[in-house]
Amino acid sequence: MSDSKTVRITLTDSGQDLNFDSGCPSLLACLEHNKLTVSYQCREGYCGACRVKLTKGSIIYNQEPLAFVREGEVLLCCCKPDGDVSITLD
């Protein structure tokens, strides 16, 4: 992920766009920083409660998730966007 350009997160269910701060440790932390309520029960990719659909773009996992992740899904607690992404929270 390049720190020189703004990385956008689009929430497809609401149409809201957010900037991802390169200092954020994860997508979950970024969403919380923007006052969005997201379900989670850990911050290390184990439980899977923060699972969402990735509809556009790609992510990089901080560590390999321990929970099962299907194609087209990501765990917000342990990943960062690799460029602009679109996700569906619901």
Foldseek 3Di string as FASTA:
>chain_A
DDQPDWFWEAAVVVRDIDTDHPPDQWQVSRCVVVVHDADDDDQAQEPCRRKWFWPDADKDFQDDHNDDHDPRIDRGSGIDGPGYTYIYRD
